Amino acid sequence: MLRIIYSCDIPRHAKIAKSVSFQHRALGVVIHPDAEIGENCFIQHHVTIGVNKGTKGVPKIGANVFIGPYAMILGDIKIGDNATIGAGTLVMKDIEAGATYTGNTKMIRRR
């Protein structure tokens, strides 16, 4: 039902912690079936979590991660606990715990 009304693709067998929060009814969210999302993550609308062309792995997202709207997290990468990914950000490399990653300039800000 969510898939039809809200144009989202969240497979039942994806490893998503029960405490993950999807905002705006998961509108436009796409998650690869093999992706892993940890406890207490906050995912905004139109987020893509999946493979990157030429890679085989999928993202593994730690606990307490905030993912802004229209962010794309692609490839065999790890997002550390308590990281923040800003709106519209393309992430194709690991982000360490507690870091903030924003914009198309691929800028990492440490707290």
N, C-alpha and C. Protein backbone atom coordinates (compact mmCIF):
# COMPACT_ATOMS: atom_id res chain seq x y z
N MET A 1 0.81 -1.19 0.00
CA MET A 1 0.00 0.00 0.00
C MET A 1 0.86 1.26 0.00
N LEU A 2 1.88 1.32 0.87
CA LEU A 2 2.76 2.49 0.88
C LEU A 2 3.40 2.72 -0.47
N ARG A 3 3.80 1.63 -1.12
CA ARG A 3 4.47 1.72 -2.42
C ARG A 3 3.58 2.42 -3.45
N ILE A 4 2.32 2.14 -3.45
CA ILE A 4 1.40 2.71 -4.43
C ILE A 4 1.08 4.16 -4.10
N ILE A 5 0.72 4.44 -2.88
CA ILE A 5 0.29 5.78 -2.51
C ILE A 5 1.46 6.75 -2.40
N TYR A 6 2.57 6.32 -1.82
CA TYR A 6 3.68 7.24 -1.54
C TYR A 6 4.91 7.02 -2.41
N SER A 7 4.81 6.18 -3.42
CA SER A 7 5.91 5.94 -4.36
C SER A 7 7.22 5.61 -3.66
N CYS A 8 7.15 4.76 -2.65
CA CYS A 8 8.37 4.34 -1.96
C CYS A 8 8.64 2.86 -2.24
N ASP A 9 9.90 2.48 -2.06
CA ASP A 9 10.29 1.09 -2.27
C ASP A 9 11.15 0.67 -1.08
N ILE A 10 10.51 0.09 -0.08
CA ILE A 10 11.19 -0.35 1.14
C ILE A 10 10.90 -1.84 1.30
N PRO A 11 11.84 -2.70 0.88
CA PRO A 11 11.60 -4.14 0.93
C PRO A 11 11.41 -4.66 2.37
N ARG A 12 10.53 -5.61 2.52
CA ARG A 12 10.26 -6.17 3.84
C ARG A 12 11.48 -6.82 4.47
N HIS A 13 12.36 -7.40 3.66
CA HIS A 13 13.49 -8.13 4.22
C HIS A 13 14.75 -7.27 4.36
N ALA A 14 14.67 -5.97 4.09
CA ALA A 14 15.81 -5.09 4.36
C ALA A 14 16.04 -5.04 5.87
N LYS A 15 17.29 -4.90 6.29
CA LYS A 15 17.62 -4.89 7.71
C LYS A 15 17.47 -3.47 8.26
N ILE A 16 16.26 -3.13 8.66
CA ILE A 16 15.94 -1.80 9.16
C ILE A 16 15.47 -1.95 10.61
N ALA A 17 16.17 -1.29 11.53
CA ALA A 17 15.78 -1.37 12.94
C ALA A 17 14.36 -0.85 13.13
N LYS A 18 13.66 -1.43 14.07
CA LYS A 18 12.26 -1.05 14.32
C LYS A 18 12.11 0.40 14.76
N SER A 19 13.16 0.97 15.34
CA SER A 19 13.08 2.34 15.85
C SER A 19 13.38 3.41 14.80
N VAL A 20 13.61 3.01 13.55
CA VAL A 20 13.87 3.98 12.48
C VAL A 20 12.59 4.77 12.21
N SER A 21 12.77 6.08 12.02
CA SER A 21 11.63 6.97 11.77
C SER A 21 11.67 7.49 10.34
N PHE A 22 10.59 7.25 9.60
CA PHE A 22 10.45 7.76 8.24
C PHE A 22 9.51 8.95 8.28
N GLN A 23 9.97 10.09 7.83
CA GLN A 23 9.14 11.29 7.82
C GLN A 23 8.31 11.36 6.55
N HIS A 24 7.21 12.06 6.60
CA HIS A 24 6.32 12.27 5.45
C HIS A 24 5.89 10.94 4.83
N ARG A 25 5.63 9.96 5.70
CA ARG A 25 5.13 8.64 5.28
C ARG A 25 6.05 7.94 4.29
N ALA A 26 7.35 8.21 4.39
CA ALA A 26 8.37 7.59 3.53
C ALA A 26 8.19 7.97 2.06
N LEU A 27 7.63 9.13 1.80
CA LEU A 27 7.38 9.59 0.44
C LEU A 27 8.65 9.53 -0.41
N GLY A 28 8.62 8.74 -1.48
CA GLY A 28 9.72 8.65 -2.43
C GLY A 28 10.97 7.96 -1.94
N VAL A 29 10.95 7.31 -0.79
CA VAL A 29 12.14 6.65 -0.25
C VAL A 29 12.38 5.33 -0.98
N VAL A 30 13.64 5.09 -1.35
CA VAL A 30 14.03 3.84 -2.01
C VAL A 30 15.19 3.24 -1.22
N ILE A 31 15.04 1.99 -0.78
CA ILE A 31 16.07 1.31 0.00
C ILE A 31 16.37 -0.04 -0.64
N HIS A 32 17.64 -0.31 -0.87
CA HIS A 32 18.07 -1.60 -1.44
C HIS A 32 17.72 -2.72 -0.45
N PRO A 33 17.31 -3.88 -0.95
CA PRO A 33 16.93 -4.99 -0.06
C PRO A 33 18.04 -5.46 0.88
N ASP A 34 19.31 -5.26 0.51
CA ASP A 34 20.42 -5.72 1.35
C ASP A 34 20.99 -4.62 2.25
N ALA A 35 20.46 -3.42 2.19
CA ALA A 35 20.96 -2.32 3.02
C ALA A 35 20.68 -2.60 4.49
N GLU A 36 21.50 -1.98 5.36
CA GLU A 36 21.31 -2.10 6.81
C GLU A 36 21.19 -0.70 7.41
N ILE A 37 20.17 -0.52 8.24
CA ILE A 37 19.94 0.78 8.87
C ILE A 37 19.76 0.55 10.36
N GLY A 38 20.61 1.21 11.17
CA GLY A 38 20.65 1.01 12.62
C GLY A 38 19.54 1.70 13.39
N GLU A 39 19.59 1.53 14.69
CA GLU A 39 18.59 2.06 15.62
C GLU A 39 18.46 3.58 15.57
N ASN A 40 17.25 4.05 15.76
CA ASN A 40 16.94 5.47 15.95
C ASN A 40 17.37 6.39 14.81
N CYS A 41 17.45 5.88 13.61
CA CYS A 41 17.76 6.75 12.46
C CYS A 41 16.51 7.52 12.07
N PHE A 42 16.73 8.69 11.49
CA PHE A 42 15.66 9.60 11.09
C PHE A 42 15.82 9.85 9.60
N ILE A 43 14.89 9.37 8.79
CA ILE A 43 15.02 9.43 7.33
C ILE A 43 13.92 10.32 6.76
N GLN A 44 14.32 11.37 6.07
CA GLN A 44 13.38 12.30 5.45
C GLN A 44 12.88 11.74 4.12
N HIS A 45 12.07 12.51 3.42
CA HIS A 45 11.46 12.06 2.17
C HIS A 45 12.44 12.06 1.00
N HIS A 46 12.13 11.24 -0.02
CA HIS A 46 12.90 11.12 -1.27
C HIS A 46 14.37 10.78 -1.05
N VAL A 47 14.65 9.90 -0.10
CA VAL A 47 16.02 9.43 0.16
C VAL A 47 16.23 8.13 -0.59
N THR A 48 17.43 7.96 -1.18
CA THR A 48 17.79 6.72 -1.86
C THR A 48 18.98 6.11 -1.14
N ILE A 49 18.88 4.83 -0.78
CA ILE A 49 19.95 4.08 -0.13
C ILE A 49 20.14 2.82 -0.97
N GLY A 50 21.24 2.77 -1.74
CA GLY A 50 21.38 1.64 -2.66
C GLY A 50 22.76 1.46 -3.23
N VAL A 51 22.83 0.77 -4.36
CA VAL A 51 24.10 0.44 -4.99
C VAL A 51 24.59 1.60 -5.86
N ASN A 52 25.88 1.56 -6.13
CA ASN A 52 26.50 2.53 -7.03
C ASN A 52 27.00 1.75 -8.24
N LYS A 53 26.85 2.29 -9.40
CA LYS A 53 27.28 1.61 -10.62
C LYS A 53 28.74 1.19 -10.48
N GLY A 54 29.00 -0.07 -10.77
CA GLY A 54 30.36 -0.59 -10.70
C GLY A 54 30.76 -1.13 -9.34
N THR A 55 29.87 -1.09 -8.36
CA THR A 55 30.17 -1.66 -7.05
C THR A 55 29.15 -2.75 -6.74
N LYS A 56 29.51 -3.63 -5.81
CA LYS A 56 28.61 -4.73 -5.47
C LYS A 56 27.93 -4.55 -4.12
N GLY A 57 28.57 -3.81 -3.22
CA GLY A 57 28.02 -3.69 -1.88
C GLY A 57 26.98 -2.59 -1.74
N VAL A 58 26.33 -2.59 -0.59
CA VAL A 58 25.30 -1.59 -0.29
C VAL A 58 25.65 -0.90 1.03
N PRO A 59 25.05 0.24 1.30
CA PRO A 59 25.36 0.98 2.52
C PRO A 59 24.96 0.24 3.80
N LYS A 60 25.77 0.50 4.83
CA LYS A 60 25.48 0.06 6.19
C LYS A 60 25.46 1.34 7.02
N ILE A 61 24.31 1.64 7.56
CA ILE A 61 24.10 2.90 8.28
C ILE A 61 24.00 2.60 9.76
N GLY A 62 24.82 3.30 10.56
CA GLY A 62 24.85 3.10 12.00
C GLY A 62 23.62 3.63 12.71
N ALA A 63 23.72 3.77 14.02
CA ALA A 63 22.61 4.22 14.85
C ALA A 63 22.56 5.74 14.95
N ASN A 64 21.38 6.27 15.17
CA ASN A 64 21.17 7.70 15.42
C ASN A 64 21.65 8.59 14.28
N VAL A 65 21.47 8.14 13.06
CA VAL A 65 21.89 8.91 11.88
C VAL A 65 20.70 9.70 11.35
N PHE A 66 20.93 10.98 11.05
CA PHE A 66 19.91 11.84 10.44
C PHE A 66 20.21 11.92 8.95
N ILE A 67 19.21 11.63 8.11
CA ILE A 67 19.37 11.70 6.65
C ILE A 67 18.34 12.68 6.12
N GLY A 68 18.82 13.79 5.56
CA GLY A 68 17.95 14.85 5.06
C GLY A 68 17.26 14.48 3.76
N PRO A 69 16.25 15.27 3.37
CA PRO A 69 15.50 14.98 2.15
C PRO A 69 16.36 15.01 0.90
N TYR A 70 16.03 14.15 -0.03
CA TYR A 70 16.69 14.03 -1.33
C TYR A 70 18.16 13.60 -1.25
N ALA A 71 18.59 13.08 -0.11
CA ALA A 71 19.96 12.56 0.00
C ALA A 71 20.05 11.23 -0.73
N MET A 72 21.24 10.92 -1.27
CA MET A 72 21.51 9.63 -1.91
C MET A 72 22.75 9.04 -1.26
N ILE A 73 22.62 7.82 -0.76
CA ILE A 73 23.71 7.11 -0.11
C ILE A 73 23.93 5.85 -0.93
N LEU A 74 25.07 5.80 -1.63
CA LEU A 74 25.26 4.76 -2.64
C LEU A 74 26.57 4.01 -2.47
N GLY A 75 26.51 2.70 -2.66
CA GLY A 75 27.70 1.86 -2.73
C GLY A 75 28.01 1.14 -1.44
N ASP A 76 29.15 0.47 -1.46
CA ASP A 76 29.62 -0.34 -0.33
C ASP A 76 30.30 0.59 0.68
N ILE A 77 29.49 1.33 1.43
CA ILE A 77 30.03 2.32 2.37
C ILE A 77 29.41 2.14 3.74
N LYS A 78 30.05 2.75 4.74
CA LYS A 78 29.56 2.71 6.11
C LYS A 78 29.36 4.14 6.61
N ILE A 79 28.21 4.35 7.23
CA ILE A 79 27.90 5.63 7.84
C ILE A 79 27.95 5.40 9.35
N GLY A 80 28.85 6.11 10.04
CA GLY A 80 29.03 5.92 11.47
C GLY A 80 27.87 6.42 12.30
N ASP A 81 27.81 5.96 13.54
CA ASP A 81 26.77 6.38 14.47
C ASP A 81 26.77 7.90 14.64
N ASN A 82 25.59 8.46 14.85
CA ASN A 82 25.41 9.89 15.14
C ASN A 82 25.87 10.81 14.02
N ALA A 83 25.94 10.32 12.80
CA ALA A 83 26.30 11.16 11.66
C ALA A 83 25.06 11.91 11.18
N THR A 84 25.31 13.02 10.48
CA THR A 84 24.24 13.81 9.88
C THR A 84 24.53 13.97 8.40
N ILE A 85 23.55 13.67 7.57
CA ILE A 85 23.67 13.82 6.12
C ILE A 85 22.64 14.86 5.70
N GLY A 86 23.11 15.96 5.14
CA GLY A 86 22.24 17.07 4.80
C GLY A 86 21.36 16.82 3.59
N ALA A 87 20.41 17.70 3.39
CA ALA A 87 19.48 17.61 2.27
C ALA A 87 20.20 17.64 0.93
N GLY A 88 19.80 16.77 0.03
CA GLY A 88 20.34 16.76 -1.33
C GLY A 88 21.77 16.31 -1.45
N THR A 89 22.32 15.71 -0.43
CA THR A 89 23.73 15.31 -0.43
C THR A 89 23.92 13.94 -1.08
N LEU A 90 24.95 13.82 -1.90
CA LEU A 90 25.34 12.56 -2.51
C LEU A 90 26.50 11.99 -1.71
N VAL A 91 26.32 10.81 -1.13
CA VAL A 91 27.34 10.17 -0.30
C VAL A 91 27.80 8.90 -0.99
N MET A 92 29.10 8.84 -1.32
CA MET A 92 29.65 7.65 -1.97
C MET A 92 30.95 7.19 -1.30
N LYS A 93 31.18 7.65 -0.07
CA LYS A 93 32.33 7.19 0.69
C LYS A 93 31.95 7.14 2.16
N ASP A 94 32.74 6.43 2.95
CA ASP A 94 32.45 6.26 4.37
C ASP A 94 32.38 7.62 5.07
N ILE A 95 31.51 7.68 6.08
CA ILE A 95 31.42 8.85 6.94
C ILE A 95 31.65 8.36 8.36
N GLU A 96 32.59 9.00 9.04
CA GLU A 96 32.91 8.56 10.40
C GLU A 96 31.82 8.98 11.38
N ALA A 97 31.81 8.33 12.52
CA ALA A 97 30.81 8.61 13.55
C ALA A 97 30.86 10.08 13.96
N GLY A 98 29.69 10.68 14.11
CA GLY A 98 29.58 12.05 14.58
C GLY A 98 29.82 13.12 13.54
N ALA A 99 30.17 12.75 12.31
CA ALA A 99 30.47 13.74 11.27
C ALA A 99 29.19 14.26 10.64
N THR A 100 29.29 15.45 10.07
CA THR A 100 28.20 16.05 9.30
C THR A 100 28.66 16.17 7.87
N TYR A 101 27.85 15.69 6.95
CA TYR A 101 28.20 15.65 5.52
C TYR A 101 27.10 16.39 4.78
N THR A 102 27.44 17.49 4.12
CA THR A 102 26.41 18.30 3.48
C THR A 102 26.80 18.78 2.10
N GLY A 103 25.80 19.02 1.29
CA GLY A 103 25.97 19.68 0.00
C GLY A 103 26.62 18.85 -1.07
N ASN A 104 26.67 19.43 -2.24
CA ASN A 104 27.28 18.76 -3.39
C ASN A 104 28.78 18.94 -3.43
N THR A 105 29.33 19.71 -2.50
CA THR A 105 30.78 19.91 -2.46
C THR A 105 31.47 18.79 -1.70
N LYS A 106 30.70 17.84 -1.21
CA LYS A 106 31.24 16.70 -0.47
C LYS A 106 32.07 17.15 0.72
N MET A 107 31.58 18.10 1.45
CA MET A 107 32.29 18.64 2.60
C MET A 107 31.91 17.89 3.86
N ILE A 108 32.93 17.46 4.60
CA ILE A 108 32.69 16.79 5.87
C ILE A 108 33.05 17.77 6.98
N ARG A 109 32.15 17.93 7.92
CA ARG A 109 32.41 18.80 9.07
C ARG A 109 32.42 17.93 10.32
N ARG A 110 33.46 18.04 11.07
CA ARG A 110 33.54 17.28 12.31
C ARG A 110 32.95 18.11 13.45
N ARG A 111 32.31 17.43 14.37
CA ARG A 111 31.72 18.14 15.53
C ARG A 111 32.77 18.37 16.58
